[in-house]
Amino acid sequence: MTLPSFRLDGRRALVTGASAGLGLHFAEVLAAAGAEVVLAARRIDKVQAEALRLCAAGARAHAVALDVTSAGSVKAAFADAESKAGGPIDILVNNAGISGDSFFLNLEEAEWDAVVDTNLKGPYLVAREMAQRLVAARQPGSIINIASILGLRVQAVLAPYCASKAGLIHLTKAMALELARFGIRVNAIAPGYVQTDINEGFFDTEPGKKMLARIPMRRLGEKQELSGPLLLLASDASAYMTGSVIEVDGGHLSSTL
């Protein structure tokens, strides 16, 4: 019996929102599996520093400036990435995202636009640019959208975030349907609550502790617990998967309302 390989040698990956947090972690995981990685974010100084750190550790890594809400920035970033990596990007991790924090009655149009443009328009623009380049080069590829369990359930004061992540899940399936004929697979990971620097303090509060109590595993997820699903979807181990959404949430979606 031949077991599937999760190695990514010879592959080129681009990760959006890669200056810190989950995006940086995803870039590190892909690099450790053998991929040449391009870290992309608005803060070019941050991704340049992280790319240099990865290279010093033996990885092949590059950095490009990218504003996912701008089609011009997306096109320029891919041209820069292909020039630095020496060929088309064939793994994309659409990770860039923001949350917002307003009660719906106080939700301003500017906040709605910022969240939806980053979380939904951004993945569309980035995935379209990658797919167009792959089709032109007649190469297959894998697109991994980072959704959320809040695209399947909802939480208060996060209306635009919930709406954008629900839209991203449906966009994943729509893209999968249309791009399958070109050998481009499109899947999503829907994380639950994962420990990051941003949310660290919240789960020490009473509301945070109550939320943890509703997770069947009674704890937050760790970044490394997303590594397996990421490598599955990026590699040929998932060659017959497209349009799938993998929930990584400690059973949170199965908990009672």
C-alpha atoms as a PDB file:
ATOM      1  CA  MET A   1       0.000   0.000   0.000  1.00  0.00           C
ATOM      2  CA  THR A   2       1.276   3.455  -0.936  1.00  0.00           C
ATOM      3  CA  LEU A   3       0.390   6.100   1.612  1.00  0.00           C
ATOM      4  CA  PRO A   4      -0.449   9.632   0.425  1.00  0.00           C
ATOM      5  CA  SER A   5       2.273  12.249   0.616  1.00  0.00           C
ATOM      6  CA  PHE A   6       1.761  15.629   2.207  1.00  0.00           C
ATOM      7  CA  ARG A   7       5.050  16.965   0.838  1.00  0.00           C
ATOM      8  CA  LEU A   8       5.012  20.122  -1.283  1.00  0.00           C
ATOM      9  CA  ASP A   9       8.428  19.989  -2.926  1.00  0.00           C
ATOM     10  CA  GLY A  10       8.499  21.914  -6.190  1.00  0.00           C
ATOM     11  CA  ARG A  11       5.341  23.847  -5.334  1.00  0.00           C
ATOM     12  CA  ARG A  12       5.010  27.636  -5.001  1.00  0.00           C
ATOM     13  CA  ALA A  13       2.630  29.029  -2.372  1.00  0.00           C
ATOM     14  CA  LEU A  14       1.346  32.501  -1.595  1.00  0.00           C
ATOM     15  CA  VAL A  15      -0.221  33.325   1.782  1.00  0.00           C
ATOM     16  CA  THR A  16      -2.163  36.550   2.282  1.00  0.00           C
ATOM     17  CA  GLY A  17      -2.165  38.302   5.647  1.00  0.00           C
ATOM     18  CA  ALA A  18       1.163  36.606   6.376  1.00  0.00           C
ATOM     19  CA  SER A  19       2.794  39.268   8.541  1.00  0.00           C
ATOM     20  CA  ALA A  20       1.702  37.616  11.822  1.00  0.00           C
ATOM     21  CA  GLY A  21      -0.755  35.219  13.465  1.00  0.00           C
ATOM     22  CA  LEU A  22      -2.323  32.407  11.479  1.00  0.00           C
ATOM     23  CA  GLY A  23      -1.045  33.687   8.139  1.00  0.00           C
ATOM     24  CA  LEU A  24       2.574  33.562   9.272  1.00  0.00           C
ATOM     25  CA  HIS A  25       1.972  30.127  10.787  1.00  0.00           C
ATOM     26  CA  PHE A  26       0.517  28.849   7.503  1.00  0.00           C
ATOM     27  CA  ALA A  27       3.549  30.139   5.598  1.00  0.00           C
ATOM     28  CA  GLU A  28       5.879  28.371   8.047  1.00  0.00           C
ATOM     29  CA  VAL A  29       3.992  25.086   7.699  1.00  0.00           C
ATOM     30  CA  LEU A  30       4.015  25.174   3.888  1.00  0.00           C
ATOM     31  CA  ALA A  31       7.726  25.999   3.876  1.00  0.00           C
ATOM     32  CA  ALA A  32       8.470  23.127   6.270  1.00  0.00           C
ATOM     33  CA  ALA A  33       6.663  20.785   3.844  1.00  0.00           C
ATOM     34  CA  GLY A  34       8.983  21.837   1.029  1.00  0.00           C
ATOM     35  CA  ALA A  35       7.078  24.624  -0.740  1.00  0.00           C
ATOM     36  CA  GLU A  36       8.648  27.866  -1.860  1.00  0.00           C
ATOM     37  CA  VAL A  37       6.539  30.446  -0.029  1.00  0.00           C
ATOM     38  CA  VAL A  38       5.606  34.045  -0.749  1.00  0.00           C
ATOM     39  CA  LEU A  39       4.471  36.033   2.277  1.00  0.00           C
ATOM     40  CA  ALA A  40       2.043  38.780   1.292  1.00  0.00           C
ATOM     41  CA  ALA A  41       0.628  41.631   3.363  1.00  0.00           C
ATOM     42  CA  ARG A  42       0.154  45.389   3.341  1.00  0.00           C
ATOM     43  CA  ARG A  43       3.065  45.817   5.780  1.00  0.00           C
ATOM     44  CA  ILE A  44       5.955  44.940   3.504  1.00  0.00           C
ATOM     45  CA  ASP A  45       8.516  45.572   6.251  1.00  0.00           C
ATOM     46  CA  LYS A  46       6.938  42.870   8.431  1.00  0.00           C
ATOM     47  CA  VAL A  47       6.737  40.196   5.729  1.00  0.00           C
ATOM     48  CA  GLN A  48      10.246  41.000   4.511  1.00  0.00           C
ATOM     49  CA  ALA A  49      11.594  40.436   8.013  1.00  0.00           C
ATOM     50  CA  GLU A  50       9.683  37.149   8.370  1.00  0.00           C
ATOM     51  CA  ALA A  51      10.779  35.950   4.924  1.00  0.00           C
ATOM     52  CA  LEU A  52      14.411  36.621   5.840  1.00  0.00           C
ATOM     53  CA  ARG A  53      13.934  34.686   9.091  1.00  0.00           C
ATOM     54  CA  LEU A  54      12.514  31.704   7.174  1.00  0.00           C
ATOM     55  CA  CYS A  55      15.364  31.818   4.667  1.00  0.00           C
ATOM     56  CA  ALA A  56      17.892  31.849   7.518  1.00  0.00           C
ATOM     57  CA  ALA A  57      16.257  28.644   8.776  1.00  0.00           C
ATOM     58  CA  GLY A  58      16.729  26.975   5.386  1.00  0.00           C
ATOM     59  CA  ALA A  59      13.387  27.714   3.686  1.00  0.00           C
ATOM     60  CA  ARG A  60      12.831  29.378   0.337  1.00  0.00           C
ATOM     61  CA  ALA A  61      10.769  32.452   1.115  1.00  0.00           C
ATOM     62  CA  HIS A  62       9.955  35.812  -0.428  1.00  0.00           C
ATOM     63  CA  ALA A  63       7.868  38.841   0.495  1.00  0.00           C
ATOM     64  CA  VAL A  64       5.501  40.988  -1.567  1.00  0.00           C
ATOM     65  CA  ALA A  65       3.325  43.983  -0.732  1.00  0.00           C
ATOM     66  CA  LEU A  66      -0.381  43.240  -1.133  1.00  0.00           C
ATOM     67  CA  ASP A  67      -3.646  45.025  -0.430  1.00  0.00           C
ATOM     68  CA  VAL A  68      -6.241  42.343  -1.125  1.00  0.00           C
ATOM     69  CA  THR A  69      -9.002  44.932  -1.641  1.00  0.00           C
ATOM     70  CA  SER A  70      -7.242  46.472  -4.665  1.00  0.00           C
ATOM     71  CA  ALA A  71      -7.241  44.662  -8.017  1.00  0.00           C
ATOM     72  CA  GLY A  72      -4.197  46.654  -9.095  1.00  0.00           C
ATOM     73  CA  SER A  73      -2.282  45.689  -5.962  1.00  0.00           C
ATOM     74  CA  VAL A  74      -3.255  42.032  -6.437  1.00  0.00           C
ATOM     75  CA  LYS A  75      -2.029  41.972 -10.027  1.00  0.00           C
ATOM     76  CA  ALA A  76       1.255  43.656  -9.107  1.00  0.00           C
ATOM     77  CA  ALA A  77       1.784  41.296  -6.170  1.00  0.00           C
ATOM     78  CA  PHE A  78       1.375  38.197  -8.347  1.00  0.00           C
ATOM     79  CA  ALA A  79       3.744  39.561 -10.968  1.00  0.00           C
ATOM     80  CA  ASP A  80       6.293  40.241  -8.219  1.00  0.00           C
ATOM     81  CA  ALA A  81       5.711  36.818  -6.623  1.00  0.00           C
ATOM     82  CA  GLU A  82       6.140  34.952  -9.916  1.00  0.00           C
ATOM     83  CA  SER A  83       9.314  36.896 -10.671  1.00  0.00           C
ATOM     84  CA  LYS A  84      10.823  36.075  -7.273  1.00  0.00           C
ATOM     85  CA  ALA A  85       9.655  32.448  -7.152  1.00  0.00           C
ATOM     86  CA  GLY A  86      10.483  31.716 -10.787  1.00  0.00           C
ATOM     87  CA  GLY A  87       7.058  30.574 -11.949  1.00  0.00           C
ATOM     88  CA  PRO A  88       3.299  30.533 -11.330  1.00  0.00           C
ATOM     89  CA  ILE A  89       1.905  30.294  -7.810  1.00  0.00           C
ATOM     90  CA  ASP A  90       0.040  26.982  -7.518  1.00  0.00           C
ATOM     91  CA  ILE A  91      -0.988  27.057  -3.849  1.00  0.00           C
ATOM     92  CA  LEU A  92      -2.951  30.001  -2.464  1.00  0.00           C
ATOM     93  CA  VAL A  93      -3.984  30.512   1.141  1.00  0.00           C
ATOM     94  CA  ASN A  94      -6.581  33.278   1.308  1.00  0.00           C
ATOM     95  CA  ASN A  95      -6.038  34.191   4.943  1.00  0.00           C
ATOM     96  CA  ALA A  96      -6.218  38.000   5.170  1.00  0.00           C
ATOM     97  CA  GLY A  97      -9.215  39.106   7.212  1.00  0.00           C
ATOM     98  CA  ILE A  98     -10.560  41.566   9.775  1.00  0.00           C
ATOM     99  CA  SER A  99     -13.473  41.290  12.193  1.00  0.00           C
ATOM    100  CA  GLY A 100     -15.079  44.598  13.224  1.00  0.00           C
ATOM    101  CA  ASP A 101     -16.818  44.895  16.579  1.00  0.00           C
ATOM    102  CA  SER A 102     -20.025  46.943  16.322  1.00  0.00           C
ATOM    103  CA  PHE A 103     -23.553  46.188  17.481  1.00  0.00           C
ATOM    104  CA  PHE A 104     -25.704  46.063  14.354  1.00  0.00           C
ATOM    105  CA  LEU A 105     -27.741  49.195  15.171  1.00  0.00           C
ATOM    106  CA  ASN A 106     -24.489  51.141  15.458  1.00  0.00           C
ATOM    107  CA  LEU A 107     -22.781  49.535  12.455  1.00  0.00           C
ATOM    108  CA  GLU A 108     -21.464  52.226  10.127  1.00  0.00           C
ATOM    109  CA  GLU A 109     -21.203  51.733   6.385  1.00  0.00           C
ATOM    110  CA  ALA A 110     -17.432  52.271   6.493  1.00  0.00           C
ATOM    111  CA  GLU A 111     -16.961  49.352   8.895  1.00  0.00           C
ATOM    112  CA  TRP A 112     -19.224  47.101   6.829  1.00  0.00           C
ATOM    113  CA  ASP A 113     -17.291  47.945   3.660  1.00  0.00           C
ATOM    114  CA  ALA A 114     -13.887  47.422   5.299  1.00  0.00           C
ATOM    115  CA  VAL A 115     -14.797  43.977   6.652  1.00  0.00           C
ATOM    116  CA  VAL A 116     -16.636  42.685   3.586  1.00  0.00           C
ATOM    117  CA  ASP A 117     -14.064  44.094   1.155  1.00  0.00           C
ATOM    118  CA  THR A 118     -11.215  42.412   3.025  1.00  0.00           C
ATOM    119  CA  ASN A 119     -12.906  39.107   3.863  1.00  0.00           C
ATOM    120  CA  LEU A 120     -14.938  38.461   0.702  1.00  0.00           C
ATOM    121  CA  LYS A 121     -13.932  40.787  -2.121  1.00  0.00           C
ATOM    122  CA  GLY A 122     -10.265  40.186  -1.287  1.00  0.00           C
ATOM    123  CA  PRO A 123     -10.349  36.391  -1.670  1.00  0.00           C
ATOM    124  CA  TYR A 124     -12.281  36.804  -4.936  1.00  0.00           C
ATOM    125  CA  LEU A 125      -9.691  39.196  -6.376  1.00  0.00           C
ATOM    126  CA  VAL A 126      -6.696  37.137  -5.244  1.00  0.00           C
ATOM    127  CA  ALA A 127      -8.143  33.773  -6.317  1.00  0.00           C
ATOM    128  CA  ARG A 128      -9.233  35.148  -9.697  1.00  0.00           C
ATOM    129  CA  GLU A 129      -5.742  36.490 -10.425  1.00  0.00           C
ATOM    130  CA  MET A 130      -4.117  33.200  -9.464  1.00  0.00           C
ATOM    131  CA  ALA A 131      -6.628  31.115 -11.423  1.00  0.00           C
ATOM    132  CA  GLN A 132      -6.260  33.223 -14.559  1.00  0.00           C
ATOM    133  CA  ARG A 133      -2.497  32.805 -14.441  1.00  0.00           C
ATOM    134  CA  LEU A 134      -2.718  29.048 -13.858  1.00  0.00           C
ATOM    135  CA  VAL A 135      -5.186  28.552 -16.706  1.00  0.00           C
ATOM    136  CA  ALA A 136      -2.931  30.552 -19.039  1.00  0.00           C
ATOM    137  CA  ALA A 137       0.031  28.389 -17.986  1.00  0.00           C
ATOM    138  CA  ARG A 138      -2.094  25.197 -18.191  1.00  0.00           C
ATOM    139  CA  GLN A 139      -1.112  24.236 -14.672  1.00  0.00           C
ATOM    140  CA  PRO A 140      -3.249  22.806 -11.832  1.00  0.00           C
ATOM    141  CA  GLY A 141      -3.390  24.348  -8.381  1.00  0.00           C
ATOM    142  CA  SER A 142      -5.003  24.479  -4.969  1.00  0.00           C
ATOM    143  CA  ILE A 143      -6.853  27.423  -3.432  1.00  0.00           C
ATOM    144  CA  ILE A 144      -7.513  27.295   0.316  1.00  0.00           C
ATOM    145  CA  ASN A 145      -9.887  29.889   1.728  1.00  0.00           C
ATOM    146  CA  ILE A 146      -9.723  30.536   5.466  1.00  0.00           C
ATOM    147  CA  ALA A 147     -13.364  30.838   6.487  1.00  0.00           C
ATOM    148  CA  SER A 148     -14.737  30.497  10.040  1.00  0.00           C
ATOM    149  CA  ILE A 149     -17.367  28.633  12.005  1.00  0.00           C
ATOM    150  CA  LEU A 150     -19.061  32.053  12.099  1.00  0.00           C
ATOM    151  CA  GLY A 151     -19.794  31.525   8.428  1.00  0.00           C
ATOM    152  CA  LEU A 152     -22.009  28.647   9.583  1.00  0.00           C
ATOM    153  CA  ARG A 153     -23.273  30.014  12.894  1.00  0.00           C
ATOM    154  CA  VAL A 154     -23.422  33.604  14.189  1.00  0.00           C
ATOM    155  CA  GLN A 155     -22.236  35.687  17.107  1.00  0.00           C
ATOM    156  CA  ALA A 156     -23.338  39.134  18.281  1.00  0.00           C
ATOM    157  CA  VAL A 157     -21.529  42.343  17.230  1.00  0.00           C
ATOM    158  CA  LEU A 158     -19.907  40.593  14.252  1.00  0.00           C
ATOM    159  CA  ALA A 159     -22.579  40.919  11.558  1.00  0.00           C
ATOM    160  CA  PRO A 160     -20.279  41.876   8.657  1.00  0.00           C
ATOM    161  CA  TYR A 161     -17.733  39.237   9.670  1.00  0.00           C
ATOM    162  CA  CYS A 162     -20.375  36.491   9.840  1.00  0.00           C
ATOM    163  CA  ALA A 163     -21.883  37.595   6.520  1.00  0.00           C
ATOM    164  CA  SER A 164     -18.496  37.766   4.795  1.00  0.00           C
ATOM    165  CA  LYS A 165     -17.396  34.338   6.022  1.00  0.00           C
ATOM    166  CA  ALA A 166     -20.727  32.775   4.992  1.00  0.00           C
ATOM    167  CA  GLY A 167     -20.227  34.370   1.591  1.00  0.00           C
ATOM    168  CA  LEU A 168     -16.673  33.028   1.428  1.00  0.00           C
ATOM    169  CA  ILE A 169     -17.907  29.485   2.060  1.00  0.00           C
ATOM    170  CA  HIS A 170     -20.405  29.760  -0.785  1.00  0.00           C
ATOM    171  CA  LEU A 171     -17.784  31.442  -2.990  1.00  0.00           C
ATOM    172  CA  THR A 172     -15.504  28.469  -2.294  1.00  0.00           C
ATOM    173  CA  LYS A 173     -18.122  26.082  -3.627  1.00  0.00           C
ATOM    174  CA  ALA A 174     -18.942  28.265  -6.646  1.00  0.00           C
ATOM    175  CA  MET A 175     -15.274  28.581  -7.594  1.00  0.00           C
ATOM    176  CA  ALA A 176     -14.762  24.848  -7.099  1.00  0.00           C
ATOM    177  CA  LEU A 177     -17.577  24.114  -9.536  1.00  0.00           C
ATOM    178  CA  GLU A 178     -16.196  26.363 -12.268  1.00  0.00           C
ATOM    179  CA  LEU A 179     -12.457  25.747 -11.849  1.00  0.00           C
ATOM    180  CA  ALA A 180     -12.484  21.949 -11.522  1.00  0.00           C
ATOM    181  CA  ARG A 181     -12.268  21.503 -15.298  1.00  0.00           C
ATOM    182  CA  PHE A 182      -8.914  23.324 -15.232  1.00  0.00           C
ATOM    183  CA  GLY A 183      -7.461  21.170 -12.470  1.00  0.00           C
ATOM    184  CA  ILE A 184      -7.758  23.930  -9.888  1.00  0.00           C
ATOM    185  CA  ARG A 185      -9.202  22.732  -6.580  1.00  0.00           C
ATOM    186  CA  VAL A 186     -10.885  25.154  -4.159  1.00  0.00           C
ATOM    187  CA  ASN A 187     -11.542  24.224  -0.540  1.00  0.00           C
ATOM    188  CA  ALA A 188     -11.951  25.999   2.780  1.00  0.00           C
ATOM    189  CA  ILE A 189     -10.939  25.617   6.402  1.00  0.00           C
ATOM    190  CA  ALA A 190     -13.440  26.881   8.971  1.00  0.00           C
ATOM    191  CA  PRO A 191     -11.547  27.334  12.245  1.00  0.00           C
ATOM    192  CA  GLY A 192     -13.263  27.722  15.560  1.00  0.00           C
ATOM    193  CA  TYR A 193     -11.709  29.832  18.294  1.00  0.00           C
ATOM    194  CA  VAL A 194      -7.929  29.514  18.060  1.00  0.00           C
ATOM    195  CA  GLN A 195      -5.414  30.976  20.501  1.00  0.00           C
ATOM    196  CA  THR A 196      -3.730  34.039  18.982  1.00  0.00           C
ATOM    197  CA  ASP A 197      -2.138  37.214  20.315  1.00  0.00           C
ATOM    198  CA  ILE A 198      -5.300  39.142  19.387  1.00  0.00           C
ATOM    199  CA  ASN A 199      -7.757  37.168  21.526  1.00  0.00           C
ATOM    200  CA  GLU A 200      -5.413  36.103  24.338  1.00  0.00           C
ATOM    201  CA  GLY A 201      -6.876  38.383  27.019  1.00  0.00           C
ATOM    202  CA  PHE A 202     -10.537  37.858  26.174  1.00  0.00           C
ATOM    203  CA  PHE A 203     -10.676  34.224  27.252  1.00  0.00           C
ATOM    204  CA  ASP A 204      -9.488  35.162  30.726  1.00  0.00           C
ATOM    205  CA  THR A 205     -12.629  37.276  31.201  1.00  0.00           C
ATOM    206  CA  GLU A 206     -16.001  35.971  32.418  1.00  0.00           C
ATOM    207  CA  PRO A 207     -17.625  36.173  28.928  1.00  0.00           C
ATOM    208  CA  GLY A 208     -14.569  34.408  27.491  1.00  0.00           C
ATOM    209  CA  LYS A 209     -14.744  31.636  30.088  1.00  0.00           C
ATOM    210  CA  LYS A 210     -18.447  31.142  29.354  1.00  0.00           C
ATOM    211  CA  MET A 211     -17.675  30.816  25.655  1.00  0.00           C
ATOM    212  CA  LEU A 212     -14.991  28.219  26.359  1.00  0.00           C
ATOM    213  CA  ALA A 213     -17.507  26.247  28.408  1.00  0.00           C
ATOM    214  CA  ARG A 214     -19.714  25.902  25.304  1.00  0.00           C
ATOM    215  CA  ILE A 215     -16.915  24.247  23.306  1.00  0.00           C
ATOM    216  CA  PRO A 216     -17.229  20.463  23.773  1.00  0.00           C
ATOM    217  CA  MET A 217     -13.447  20.086  24.149  1.00  0.00           C
ATOM    218  CA  ARG A 218     -13.497  22.912  26.760  1.00  0.00           C
ATOM    219  CA  ARG A 219     -10.462  24.666  25.325  1.00  0.00           C
ATOM    220  CA  LEU A 220      -9.228  26.890  22.529  1.00  0.00           C
ATOM    221  CA  GLY A 221      -7.602  25.446  19.468  1.00  0.00           C
ATOM    222  CA  GLU A 222      -3.864  25.855  18.871  1.00  0.00           C
ATOM    223  CA  LYS A 223      -2.389  27.150  15.630  1.00  0.00           C
ATOM    224  CA  GLN A 224      -0.598  23.869  14.984  1.00  0.00           C
ATOM    225  CA  GLU A 225      -3.953  22.067  15.037  1.00  0.00           C
ATOM    226  CA  LEU A 226      -4.729  23.757  11.714  1.00  0.00           C
ATOM    227  CA  SER A 227      -1.510  22.467  10.133  1.00  0.00           C
ATOM    228  CA  GLY A 228      -2.868  19.028   9.210  1.00  0.00           C
ATOM    229  CA  PRO A 229      -5.967  20.298   7.388  1.00  0.00           C
ATOM    230  CA  LEU A 230      -3.812  22.908   5.619  1.00  0.00           C
ATOM    231  CA  LEU A 231      -1.329  20.324   4.347  1.00  0.00           C
ATOM    232  CA  LEU A 232      -4.136  17.979   3.356  1.00  0.00           C
ATOM    233  CA  LEU A 233      -5.781  20.606   1.148  1.00  0.00           C
ATOM    234  CA  ALA A 234      -2.513  21.991  -0.245  1.00  0.00           C
ATOM    235  CA  SER A 235      -1.072  18.612  -1.218  1.00  0.00           C
ATOM    236  CA  ASP A 236      -2.058  15.836  -3.608  1.00  0.00           C
ATOM    237  CA  ALA A 237      -3.338  13.884  -0.602  1.00  0.00           C
ATOM    238  CA  SER A 238      -6.642  15.698  -1.281  1.00  0.00           C
ATOM    239  CA  ALA A 239      -6.538  15.265  -5.066  1.00  0.00           C
ATOM    240  CA  TYR A 240     -10.253  14.340  -5.232  1.00  0.00           C
ATOM    241  CA  MET A 241     -11.436  17.067  -2.864  1.00  0.00           C
ATOM    242  CA  THR A 242     -12.886  20.328  -4.114  1.00  0.00           C
ATOM    243  CA  GLY A 243     -15.682  22.475  -2.736  1.00  0.00           C
ATOM    244  CA  SER A 244     -15.104  20.997   0.729  1.00  0.00           C
ATOM    245  CA  VAL A 245     -15.191  22.899   4.025  1.00  0.00           C
ATOM    246  CA  ILE A 246     -13.176  21.412   6.891  1.00  0.00           C
ATOM    247  CA  GLU A 247     -14.357  22.494  10.340  1.00  0.00           C
ATOM    248  CA  VAL A 248     -11.620  22.634  12.991  1.00  0.00           C
ATOM    249  CA  ASP A 249     -13.433  23.792  16.112  1.00  0.00           C
ATOM    250  CA  GLY A 250     -13.228  21.312  18.969  1.00  0.00           C
ATOM    251  CA  GLY A 251     -16.826  20.324  18.280  1.00  0.00           C
ATOM    252  CA  HIS A 252     -18.125  23.885  18.726  1.00  0.00           C
ATOM    253  CA  LEU A 253     -20.562  23.656  15.817  1.00  0.00           C
ATOM    254  CA  SER A 254     -22.029  20.511  17.369  1.00  0.00           C
ATOM    255  CA  SER A 255     -22.770  22.195  20.695  1.00  0.00           C
ATOM    256  CA  THR A 256     -26.324  23.079  21.687  1.00  0.00           C
ATOM    257  CA  LEU A 257     -27.699  26.538  21.065  1.00  0.00           C
END
